[in-house]
Amino acid sequence: AWSESIVALCRIGDIAGLSMERLESTVGGGSLPGQALPSWGVGIRARSPKRCLDALRAGDPPIVARIEDDVVLLDLRTIDRAHDNAIRRAMVAALEAGGGAA
């Protein structure tokens, strides 16, 4: 799965704090309010999830993620695979900005 390849890329540099996560991805409003789809993503367990999330959003490219149960979640359903390397760099930088692995 794609999320496995993202996590594997990040583990090449022995980056702890990343895991594959089963997610529910909200479809959106309009004709399907409240509907969710099963999805996969990457969980980032940083000492400061808020700083980690802020770093993702402030990055280039900016990445929209969310925090659930003190884990920063990056839903891969809407991310183009062509951006794998940019996402890897962003996750590593965000984890460092968040104080390292929790």
PDB file of N, CA and C in Angstrom:
ATOM      1  N   ALA A   1       0.849  -1.193   0.000  1.00  0.00           N
ATOM      2  CA  ALA A   1       0.000   0.000   0.000  1.00  0.00           C
ATOM      3  C   ALA A   1       0.883   1.241   0.000  1.00  0.00           C
ATOM      4  N   TRP A   2       0.310   2.316  -0.481  1.00  0.00           N
ATOM      5  CA  TRP A   2       1.063   3.556  -0.606  1.00  0.00           C
ATOM      6  C   TRP A   2       1.531   4.073   0.740  1.00  0.00           C
ATOM      7  N   SER A   3       0.681   4.013   1.762  1.00  0.00           N
ATOM      8  CA  SER A   3       1.097   4.499   3.081  1.00  0.00           C
ATOM      9  C   SER A   3       2.282   3.700   3.596  1.00  0.00           C
ATOM     10  N   GLU A   4       2.349   2.407   3.264  1.00  0.00           N
ATOM     11  CA  GLU A   4       3.502   1.605   3.669  1.00  0.00           C
ATOM     12  C   GLU A   4       4.766   2.117   3.003  1.00  0.00           C
ATOM     13  N   SER A   5       4.671   2.527   1.729  1.00  0.00           N
ATOM     14  CA  SER A   5       5.866   3.014   1.042  1.00  0.00           C
ATOM     15  C   SER A   5       6.330   4.337   1.638  1.00  0.00           C
ATOM     16  N   ILE A   6       5.402   5.193   2.046  1.00  0.00           N
ATOM     17  CA  ILE A   6       5.774   6.464   2.680  1.00  0.00           C
ATOM     18  C   ILE A   6       6.488   6.176   4.004  1.00  0.00           C
ATOM     19  N   VAL A   7       5.923   5.293   4.819  1.00  0.00           N
ATOM     20  CA  VAL A   7       6.545   4.960   6.108  1.00  0.00           C
ATOM     21  C   VAL A   7       7.903   4.306   5.866  1.00  0.00           C
ATOM     22  N   ALA A   8       8.006   3.421   4.873  1.00  0.00           N
ATOM     23  CA  ALA A   8       9.286   2.778   4.569  1.00  0.00           C
ATOM     24  C   ALA A   8      10.326   3.807   4.146  1.00  0.00           C
ATOM     25  N   LEU A   9       9.934   4.775   3.328  1.00  0.00           N
ATOM     26  CA  LEU A   9      10.856   5.841   2.925  1.00  0.00           C
ATOM     27  C   LEU A   9      11.396   6.576   4.145  1.00  0.00           C
ATOM     28  N   CYS A  10      10.527   6.865   5.072  1.00  0.00           N
ATOM     29  CA  CYS A  10      10.934   7.622   6.256  1.00  0.00           C
ATOM     30  C   CYS A  10      11.797   6.786   7.184  1.00  0.00           C
ATOM     31  N   ARG A  11      11.598   5.490   7.225  1.00  0.00           N
ATOM     32  CA  ARG A  11      12.400   4.633   8.103  1.00  0.00           C
ATOM     33  C   ARG A  11      13.800   4.414   7.568  1.00  0.00           C
ATOM     34  N   ILE A  12      14.017   4.740   6.294  1.00  0.00           N
ATOM     35  CA  ILE A  12      15.359   4.606   5.738  1.00  0.00           C
ATOM     36  C   ILE A  12      16.338   5.396   6.594  1.00  0.00           C
ATOM     37  N   GLY A  13      15.917   6.561   7.066  1.00  0.00           N
ATOM     38  CA  GLY A  13      16.777   7.385   7.908  1.00  0.00           C
ATOM     39  C   GLY A  13      16.578   7.104   9.388  1.00  0.00           C
ATOM     40  N   ASP A  14      15.999   5.963   9.740  1.00  0.00           N
ATOM     41  CA  ASP A  14      15.739   5.590  11.135  1.00  0.00           C
ATOM     42  C   ASP A  14      14.917   6.636  11.871  1.00  0.00           C
ATOM     43  N   ILE A  15      13.870   7.120  11.237  1.00  0.00           N
ATOM     44  CA  ILE A  15      12.983   8.096  11.854  1.00  0.00           C
ATOM     45  C   ILE A  15      11.918   7.339  12.642  1.00  0.00           C
ATOM     46  N   ALA A  16      11.993   7.415  13.961  1.00  0.00           N
ATOM     47  CA  ALA A  16      10.973   6.785  14.798  1.00  0.00           C
ATOM     48  C   ALA A  16       9.782   7.726  14.890  1.00  0.00           C
ATOM     49  N   GLY A  17       8.658   7.222  15.302  1.00  0.00           N
ATOM     50  CA  GLY A  17       7.497   8.071  15.526  1.00  0.00           C
ATOM     51  C   GLY A  17       6.494   8.056  14.398  1.00  0.00           C
ATOM     52  N   LEU A  18       6.739   7.266  13.336  1.00  0.00           N
ATOM     53  CA  LEU A  18       5.812   7.174  12.218  1.00  0.00           C
ATOM     54  C   LEU A  18       5.156   5.804  12.204  1.00  0.00           C
ATOM     55  N   SER A  19       3.884   5.782  11.844  1.00  0.00           N
ATOM     56  CA  SER A  19       3.177   4.504  11.751  1.00  0.00           C
ATOM     57  C   SER A  19       2.071   4.604  10.716  1.00  0.00           C
ATOM     58  N   MET A  20       1.708   3.460  10.155  1.00  0.00           N
ATOM     59  CA  MET A  20       0.542   3.411   9.277  1.00  0.00           C
ATOM     60  C   MET A  20      -0.698   3.422  10.161  1.00  0.00           C
ATOM     61  N   GLU A  21      -1.715   4.125   9.705  1.00  0.00           N
ATOM     62  CA  GLU A  21      -2.950   4.237  10.475  1.00  0.00           C
ATOM     63  C   GLU A  21      -4.153   3.991   9.573  1.00  0.00           C
ATOM     64  N   ARG A  22      -5.103   3.224  10.073  1.00  0.00           N
ATOM     65  CA  ARG A  22      -6.386   3.060   9.403  1.00  0.00           C
ATOM     66  C   ARG A  22      -7.221   4.279   9.784  1.00  0.00           C
ATOM     67  N   LEU A  23      -7.767   4.965   8.783  1.00  0.00           N
ATOM     68  CA  LEU A  23      -8.507   6.198   9.034  1.00  0.00           C
ATOM     69  C   LEU A  23      -9.907   6.143   8.437  1.00  0.00           C
ATOM     70  N   GLU A  24     -10.734   7.059   8.879  1.00  0.00           N
ATOM     71  CA  GLU A  24     -11.999   7.345   8.217  1.00  0.00           C
ATOM     72  C   GLU A  24     -11.862   8.736   7.645  1.00  0.00           C
ATOM     73  N   SER A  25     -12.032   8.842   6.344  1.00  0.00           N
ATOM     74  CA  SER A  25     -11.846  10.102   5.646  1.00  0.00           C
ATOM     75  C   SER A  25     -13.212  10.694   5.320  1.00  0.00           C
ATOM     76  N   THR A  26     -13.445  11.905   5.785  1.00  0.00           N
ATOM     77  CA  THR A  26     -14.721  12.560   5.539  1.00  0.00           C
ATOM     78  C   THR A  26     -14.814  12.942   4.071  1.00  0.00           C
ATOM     79  N   VAL A  27     -15.945  12.570   3.461  1.00  0.00           N
ATOM     80  CA  VAL A  27     -16.156  12.847   2.049  1.00  0.00           C
ATOM     81  C   VAL A  27     -16.360  14.340   1.828  1.00  0.00           C
ATOM     82  N   GLY A  28     -17.105  14.949   2.693  1.00  0.00           N
ATOM     83  CA  GLY A  28     -17.378  16.382   2.548  1.00  0.00           C
ATOM     84  C   GLY A  28     -18.860  16.653   2.704  1.00  0.00           C
ATOM     85  N   GLY A  29     -19.248  17.875   2.498  1.00  0.00           N
ATOM     86  CA  GLY A  29     -20.653  18.269   2.638  1.00  0.00           C
ATOM     87  C   GLY A  29     -21.401  18.011   1.355  1.00  0.00           C
ATOM     88  N   GLY A  30     -22.259  18.932   1.016  1.00  0.00           N
ATOM     89  CA  GLY A  30     -23.030  18.800  -0.209  1.00  0.00           C
ATOM     90  C   GLY A  30     -23.990  17.640  -0.140  1.00  0.00           C
ATOM     91  N   SER A  31     -23.892  16.737  -1.105  1.00  0.00           N
ATOM     92  CA  SER A  31     -24.852  15.641  -1.183  1.00  0.00           C
ATOM     93  C   SER A  31     -24.544  14.486  -0.237  1.00  0.00           C
ATOM     94  N   LEU A  32     -23.376  14.493   0.410  1.00  0.00           N
ATOM     95  CA  LEU A  32     -22.999  13.399   1.311  1.00  0.00           C
ATOM     96  C   LEU A  32     -22.544  13.904   2.679  1.00  0.00           C
ATOM     97  N   PRO A  33     -23.329  14.752   3.339  1.00  0.00           N
ATOM     98  CA  PRO A  33     -22.878  15.247   4.649  1.00  0.00           C
ATOM     99  C   PRO A  33     -22.743  14.112   5.656  1.00  0.00           C
ATOM    100  N   GLY A  34     -21.632  14.127   6.384  1.00  0.00           N
ATOM    101  CA  GLY A  34     -21.423  13.125   7.431  1.00  0.00           C
ATOM    102  C   GLY A  34     -20.944  11.782   6.936  1.00  0.00           C
ATOM    103  N   GLN A  35     -20.795  11.594   5.640  1.00  0.00           N
ATOM    104  CA  GLN A  35     -20.334  10.318   5.101  1.00  0.00           C
ATOM    105  C   GLN A  35     -18.813  10.212   5.220  1.00  0.00           C
ATOM    106  N   ALA A  36     -18.345   8.993   5.459  1.00  0.00           N
ATOM    107  CA  ALA A  36     -16.898   8.762   5.570  1.00  0.00           C
ATOM    108  C   ALA A  36     -16.512   7.550   4.730  1.00  0.00           C
ATOM    109  N   LEU A  37     -15.280   7.575   4.265  1.00  0.00           N
ATOM    110  CA  LEU A  37     -14.716   6.459   3.514  1.00  0.00           C
ATOM    111  C   LEU A  37     -13.551   5.874   4.297  1.00  0.00           C
ATOM    112  N   PRO A  38     -13.371   4.549   4.239  1.00  0.00           N
ATOM    113  CA  PRO A  38     -12.179   3.984   4.863  1.00  0.00           C
ATOM    114  C   PRO A  38     -10.947   4.452   4.093  1.00  0.00           C
ATOM    115  N   SER A  39      -9.883   4.731   4.796  1.00  0.00           N
ATOM    116  CA  SER A  39      -8.676   5.243   4.173  1.00  0.00           C
ATOM    117  C   SER A  39      -7.464   4.792   4.985  1.00  0.00           C
ATOM    118  N   TRP A  40      -6.282   5.052   4.459  1.00  0.00           N
ATOM    119  CA  TRP A  40      -5.026   4.800   5.143  1.00  0.00           C
ATOM    120  C   TRP A  40      -4.252   6.097   5.223  1.00  0.00           C
ATOM    121  N   GLY A  41      -3.455   6.217   6.241  1.00  0.00           N
ATOM    122  CA  GLY A  41      -2.638   7.402   6.380  1.00  0.00           C
ATOM    123  C   GLY A  41      -1.416   7.119   7.215  1.00  0.00           C
ATOM    124  N   VAL A  42      -0.700   8.183   7.499  1.00  0.00           N
ATOM    125  CA  VAL A  42       0.504   8.091   8.318  1.00  0.00           C
ATOM    126  C   VAL A  42       0.246   8.830   9.616  1.00  0.00           C
ATOM    127  N   GLY A  43       0.584   8.190  10.729  1.00  0.00           N
ATOM    128  CA  GLY A  43       0.509   8.824  12.036  1.00  0.00           C
ATOM    129  C   GLY A  43       1.890   9.305  12.443  1.00  0.00           C
ATOM    130  N   ILE A  44       1.949  10.523  12.958  1.00  0.00           N
ATOM    131  CA  ILE A  44       3.207  11.075  13.447  1.00  0.00           C
ATOM    132  C   ILE A  44       3.053  11.302  14.945  1.00  0.00           C
ATOM    133  N   ARG A  45       3.848  10.576  15.725  1.00  0.00           N
ATOM    134  CA  ARG A  45       3.809  10.699  17.180  1.00  0.00           C
ATOM    135  C   ARG A  45       4.981  11.566  17.621  1.00  0.00           C
ATOM    136  N   ALA A  46       4.690  12.847  17.803  1.00  0.00           N
ATOM    137  CA  ALA A  46       5.721  13.814  18.191  1.00  0.00           C
ATOM    138  C   ALA A  46       5.493  14.234  19.630  1.00  0.00           C
ATOM    139  N   ARG A  47       6.530  14.738  20.275  1.00  0.00           N
ATOM    140  CA  ARG A  47       6.389  15.231  21.650  1.00  0.00           C
ATOM    141  C   ARG A  47       5.404  16.391  21.715  1.00  0.00           C
ATOM    142  N   SER A  48       5.377  17.226  20.653  1.00  0.00           N
ATOM    143  CA  SER A  48       4.426  18.326  20.573  1.00  0.00           C
ATOM    144  C   SER A  48       3.627  18.199  19.275  1.00  0.00           C
ATOM    145  N   PRO A  49       2.475  17.503  19.329  1.00  0.00           N
ATOM    146  CA  PRO A  49       1.669  17.342  18.121  1.00  0.00           C
ATOM    147  C   PRO A  49       1.268  18.675  17.488  1.00  0.00           C
ATOM    148  N   LYS A  50       0.991  19.681  18.302  1.00  0.00           N
ATOM    149  CA  LYS A  50       0.571  20.986  17.772  1.00  0.00           C
ATOM    150  C   LYS A  50       1.693  21.621  16.954  1.00  0.00           C
ATOM    151  N   ARG A  51       2.922  21.614  17.466  1.00  0.00           N
ATOM    152  CA  ARG A  51       4.050  22.183  16.709  1.00  0.00           C
ATOM    153  C   ARG A  51       4.309  21.385  15.436  1.00  0.00           C
ATOM    154  N   CYS A  52       4.138  20.087  15.509  1.00  0.00           N
ATOM    155  CA  CYS A  52       4.306  19.221  14.342  1.00  0.00           C
ATOM    156  C   CYS A  52       3.262  19.582  13.281  1.00  0.00           C
ATOM    157  N   LEU A  53       2.009  19.701  13.692  1.00  0.00           N
ATOM    158  CA  LEU A  53       0.925  20.059  12.781  1.00  0.00           C
ATOM    159  C   LEU A  53       1.168  21.433  12.167  1.00  0.00           C
ATOM    160  N   ASP A  54       1.568  22.401  12.978  1.00  0.00           N
ATOM    161  CA  ASP A  54       1.852  23.747  12.480  1.00  0.00           C
ATOM    162  C   ASP A  54       2.957  23.726  11.430  1.00  0.00           C
ATOM    163  N   ALA A  55       3.987  22.895  11.650  1.00  0.00           N
ATOM    164  CA  ALA A  55       5.096  22.803  10.696  1.00  0.00           C
ATOM    165  C   ALA A  55       4.635  22.212   9.371  1.00  0.00           C
ATOM    166  N   LEU A  56       3.760  21.215   9.414  1.00  0.00           N
ATOM    167  CA  LEU A  56       3.228  20.644   8.173  1.00  0.00           C
ATOM    168  C   LEU A  56       2.463  21.698   7.381  1.00  0.00           C
ATOM    169  N   ARG A  57       1.614  22.438   8.078  1.00  0.00           N
ATOM    170  CA  ARG A  57       0.785  23.448   7.403  1.00  0.00           C
ATOM    171  C   ARG A  57       1.607  24.619   6.880  1.00  0.00           C
ATOM    172  N   ALA A  58       2.729  24.930   7.531  1.00  0.00           N
ATOM    173  CA  ALA A  58       3.563  26.061   7.122  1.00  0.00           C
ATOM    174  C   ALA A  58       4.609  25.665   6.085  1.00  0.00           C
ATOM    175  N   GLY A  59       4.703  24.382   5.771  1.00  0.00           N
ATOM    176  CA  GLY A  59       5.741  23.901   4.875  1.00  0.00           C
ATOM    177  C   GLY A  59       5.489  24.249   3.421  1.00  0.00           C
ATOM    178  N   ASP A  60       6.437  23.824   2.584  1.00  0.00           N
ATOM    179  CA  ASP A  60       6.328  24.030   1.149  1.00  0.00           C
ATOM    180  C   ASP A  60       6.562  22.700   0.460  1.00  0.00           C
ATOM    181  N   PRO A  61       5.529  22.008   0.035  1.00  0.00           N
ATOM    182  CA  PRO A  61       4.145  22.464  -0.017  1.00  0.00           C
ATOM    183  C   PRO A  61       3.472  22.340   1.349  1.00  0.00           C
ATOM    184  N   PRO A  62       2.448  23.172   1.591  1.00  0.00           N
ATOM    185  CA  PRO A  62       1.711  23.030   2.851  1.00  0.00           C
ATOM    186  C   PRO A  62       0.919  21.718   2.839  1.00  0.00           C
ATOM    187  N   ILE A  63       0.874  21.065   3.994  1.00  0.00           N
ATOM    188  CA  ILE A  63       0.152  19.793   4.109  1.00  0.00           C
ATOM    189  C   ILE A  63      -0.901  19.928   5.190  1.00  0.00           C
ATOM    190  N   VAL A  64      -2.122  19.609   4.821  1.00  0.00           N
ATOM    191  CA  VAL A  64      -3.230  19.670   5.774  1.00  0.00           C
ATOM    192  C   VAL A  64      -3.336  18.309   6.448  1.00  0.00           C
ATOM    193  N   ALA A  65      -3.246  18.308   7.755  1.00  0.00           N
ATOM    194  CA  ALA A  65      -3.362  17.087   8.553  1.00  0.00           C
ATOM    195  C   ALA A  65      -4.271  17.412   9.732  1.00  0.00           C
ATOM    196  N   ARG A  66      -4.450  16.457  10.621  1.00  0.00           N
ATOM    197  CA  ARG A  66      -5.278  16.689  11.811  1.00  0.00           C
ATOM    198  C   ARG A  66      -4.667  15.953  12.992  1.00  0.00           C
ATOM    199  N   ILE A  67      -5.108  16.330  14.184  1.00  0.00           N
ATOM    200  CA  ILE A  67      -4.659  15.658  15.399  1.00  0.00           C
ATOM    201  C   ILE A  67      -5.831  14.898  15.997  1.00  0.00           C
ATOM    202  N   GLU A  68      -5.599  13.627  16.279  1.00  0.00           N
ATOM    203  CA  GLU A  68      -6.572  12.795  16.998  1.00  0.00           C
ATOM    204  C   GLU A  68      -5.796  12.011  18.053  1.00  0.00           C
ATOM    205  N   ASP A  69      -6.252  12.089  19.286  1.00  0.00           N
ATOM    206  CA  ASP A  69      -5.611  11.354  20.390  1.00  0.00           C
ATOM    207  C   ASP A  69      -4.102  11.602  20.441  1.00  0.00           C
ATOM    208  N   ASP A  70      -3.700  12.856  20.282  1.00  0.00           N
ATOM    209  CA  ASP A  70      -2.296  13.283  20.341  1.00  0.00           C
ATOM    210  C   ASP A  70      -1.423  12.707  19.231  1.00  0.00           C
ATOM    211  N   VAL A  71      -2.028  12.258  18.149  1.00  0.00           N
ATOM    212  CA  VAL A  71      -1.295  11.769  16.989  1.00  0.00           C
ATOM    213  C   VAL A  71      -1.659  12.649  15.799  1.00  0.00           C
ATOM    214  N   VAL A  72      -0.641  13.146  15.095  1.00  0.00           N
ATOM    215  CA  VAL A  72      -0.879  13.913  13.877  1.00  0.00           C
ATOM    216  C   VAL A  72      -1.160  12.906  12.769  1.00  0.00           C
ATOM    217  N   LEU A  73      -2.297  13.064  12.108  1.00  0.00           N
ATOM    218  CA  LEU A  73      -2.703  12.123  11.067  1.00  0.00           C
ATOM    219  C   LEU A  73      -2.686  12.781   9.705  1.00  0.00           C
ATOM    220  N   LEU A  74      -2.027  12.127   8.778  1.00  0.00           N
ATOM    221  CA  LEU A  74      -1.943  12.585   7.400  1.00  0.00           C
ATOM    222  C   LEU A  74      -2.686  11.568   6.543  1.00  0.00           C
ATOM    223  N   ASP A  75      -3.864  11.952   6.061  1.00  0.00           N
ATOM    224  CA  ASP A  75      -4.700  11.074   5.240  1.00  0.00           C
ATOM    225  C   ASP A  75      -4.151  11.076   3.822  1.00  0.00           C
ATOM    226  N   LEU A  76      -3.785   9.917   3.313  1.00  0.00           N
ATOM    227  CA  LEU A  76      -3.149   9.833   2.000  1.00  0.00           C
ATOM    228  C   LEU A  76      -4.150   9.727   0.851  1.00  0.00           C
ATOM    229  N   ARG A  77      -5.425   9.688   1.156  1.00  0.00           N
ATOM    230  CA  ARG A  77      -6.436   9.525   0.110  1.00  0.00           C
ATOM    231  C   ARG A  77      -6.404  10.637  -0.926  1.00  0.00           C
ATOM    232  N   THR A  78      -6.081  11.845  -0.502  1.00  0.00           N
ATOM    233  CA  THR A  78      -6.154  12.976  -1.426  1.00  0.00           C
ATOM    234  C   THR A  78      -4.782  13.522  -1.822  1.00  0.00           C
ATOM    235  N   ILE A  79      -3.728  12.752  -1.588  1.00  0.00           N
ATOM    236  CA  ILE A  79      -2.385  13.222  -1.909  1.00  0.00           C
ATOM    237  C   ILE A  79      -1.850  12.459  -3.118  1.00  0.00           C
ATOM    238  N   ASP A  80      -1.368  13.191  -4.097  1.00  0.00           N
ATOM    239  CA  ASP A  80      -0.816  12.620  -5.314  1.00  0.00           C
ATOM    240  C   ASP A  80       0.504  11.914  -5.002  1.00  0.00           C
ATOM    241  N   ARG A  81       0.646  10.689  -5.476  1.00  0.00           N
ATOM    242  CA  ARG A  81       1.866   9.905  -5.224  1.00  0.00           C
ATOM    243  C   ARG A  81       3.112  10.555  -5.805  1.00  0.00           C
ATOM    244  N   ALA A  82       2.944  11.443  -6.747  1.00  0.00           N
ATOM    245  CA  ALA A  82       4.090  12.130  -7.339  1.00  0.00           C
ATOM    246  C   ALA A  82       4.800  13.000  -6.309  1.00  0.00           C
ATOM    247  N   HIS A  83       4.139  13.253  -5.177  1.00  0.00           N
ATOM    248  CA  HIS A  83       4.694  14.119  -4.140  1.00  0.00           C
ATOM    249  C   HIS A  83       5.330  13.342  -2.988  1.00  0.00           C
ATOM    250  N   ASP A  84       5.609  12.052  -3.179  1.00  0.00           N
ATOM    251  CA  ASP A  84       6.167  11.214  -2.109  1.00  0.00           C
ATOM    252  C   ASP A  84       7.397  11.839  -1.441  1.00  0.00           C
ATOM    253  N   ASN A  85       8.349  12.296  -2.231  1.00  0.00           N
ATOM    254  CA  ASN A  85       9.585  12.829  -1.646  1.00  0.00           C
ATOM    255  C   ASN A  85       9.330  14.119  -0.883  1.00  0.00           C
ATOM    256  N   ALA A  86       8.469  14.985  -1.409  1.00  0.00           N
ATOM    257  CA  ALA A  86       8.135  16.232  -0.708  1.00  0.00           C
ATOM    258  C   ALA A  86       7.431  15.919   0.607  1.00  0.00           C
ATOM    259  N   ILE A  87       6.576  14.912   0.598  1.00  0.00           N
ATOM    260  CA  ILE A  87       5.854  14.535   1.816  1.00  0.00           C
ATOM    261  C   ILE A  87       6.820  13.939   2.832  1.00  0.00           C
ATOM    262  N   ARG A  88       7.745  13.123   2.354  1.00  0.00           N
ATOM    263  CA  ARG A  88       8.749  12.559   3.257  1.00  0.00           C
ATOM    264  C   ARG A  88       9.531  13.674   3.946  1.00  0.00           C
ATOM    265  N   ARG A  89      10.024  14.628   3.157  1.00  0.00           N
ATOM    266  CA  ARG A  89      10.787  15.748   3.732  1.00  0.00           C
ATOM    267  C   ARG A  89       9.933  16.538   4.727  1.00  0.00           C
ATOM    268  N   ALA A  90       8.665  16.761   4.374  1.00  0.00           N
ATOM    269  CA  ALA A  90       7.776  17.528   5.248  1.00  0.00           C
ATOM    270  C   ALA A  90       7.525  16.794   6.562  1.00  0.00           C
ATOM    271  N   MET A  91       7.342  15.466   6.510  1.00  0.00           N
ATOM    272  CA  MET A  91       7.093  14.711   7.737  1.00  0.00           C
ATOM    273  C   MET A  91       8.324  14.706   8.641  1.00  0.00           C
ATOM    274  N   VAL A  92       9.500  14.560   8.046  1.00  0.00           N
ATOM    275  CA  VAL A  92      10.735  14.572   8.839  1.00  0.00           C
ATOM    276  C   VAL A  92      10.914  15.925   9.498  1.00  0.00           C
ATOM    277  N   ALA A  93      10.714  17.009   8.748  1.00  0.00           N
ATOM    278  CA  ALA A  93      10.847  18.359   9.304  1.00  0.00           C
ATOM    279  C   ALA A  93       9.799  18.620  10.381  1.00  0.00           C
ATOM    280  N   ALA A  94       8.580  18.160  10.158  1.00  0.00           N
ATOM    281  CA  ALA A  94       7.506  18.371  11.138  1.00  0.00           C
ATOM    282  C   ALA A  94       7.777  17.602  12.421  1.00  0.00           C
ATOM    283  N   LEU A  95       8.285  16.373  12.292  1.00  0.00           N
ATOM    284  CA  LEU A  95       8.610  15.576  13.468  1.00  0.00           C
ATOM    285  C   LEU A  95       9.701  16.281  14.286  1.00  0.00           C
ATOM    286  N   GLU A  96      10.705  16.813  13.606  1.00  0.00           N
ATOM    287  CA  GLU A  96      11.764  17.554  14.309  1.00  0.00           C
ATOM    288  C   GLU A  96      11.204  18.821  14.953  1.00  0.00           C
ATOM    289  N   ALA A  97      10.326  19.534  14.242  1.00  0.00           N
ATOM    290  CA  ALA A  97       9.716  20.753  14.801  1.00  0.00           C
ATOM    291  C   ALA A  97       8.849  20.428  16.004  1.00  0.00           C
ATOM    292  N   GLY A  98       8.310  19.208  16.016  1.00  0.00           N
ATOM    293  CA  GLY A  98       7.474  18.782  17.132  1.00  0.00           C
ATOM    294  C   GLY A  98       8.259  18.208  18.297  1.00  0.00           C
ATOM    295  N   GLY A  99       9.573  18.363  18.284  1.00  0.00           N
ATOM    296  CA  GLY A  99      10.392  17.916  19.408  1.00  0.00           C
ATOM    297  C   GLY A  99      10.862  16.485  19.310  1.00  0.00           C
ATOM    298  N   GLY A 100      10.728  15.865  18.152  1.00  0.00           N
ATOM    299  CA  GLY A 100      11.151  14.472  17.991  1.00  0.00           C
ATOM    300  C   GLY A 100      10.037  13.501  18.346  1.00  0.00           C
ATOM    301  N   ALA A 101      10.347  12.230  18.240  1.00  0.00           N
ATOM    302  CA  ALA A 101       9.354  11.190  18.500  1.00  0.00           C
ATOM    303  C   ALA A 101       8.951  11.166  19.961  1.00  0.00           C
ATOM    304  N   ALA A 102       7.667  10.934  20.180  1.00  0.00           N
ATOM    305  CA  ALA A 102       7.135  10.845  21.547  1.00  0.00           C
ATOM    306  C   ALA A 102       7.450   9.501  22.150  1.00  0.00           C
TER     307      ALA A 102
END
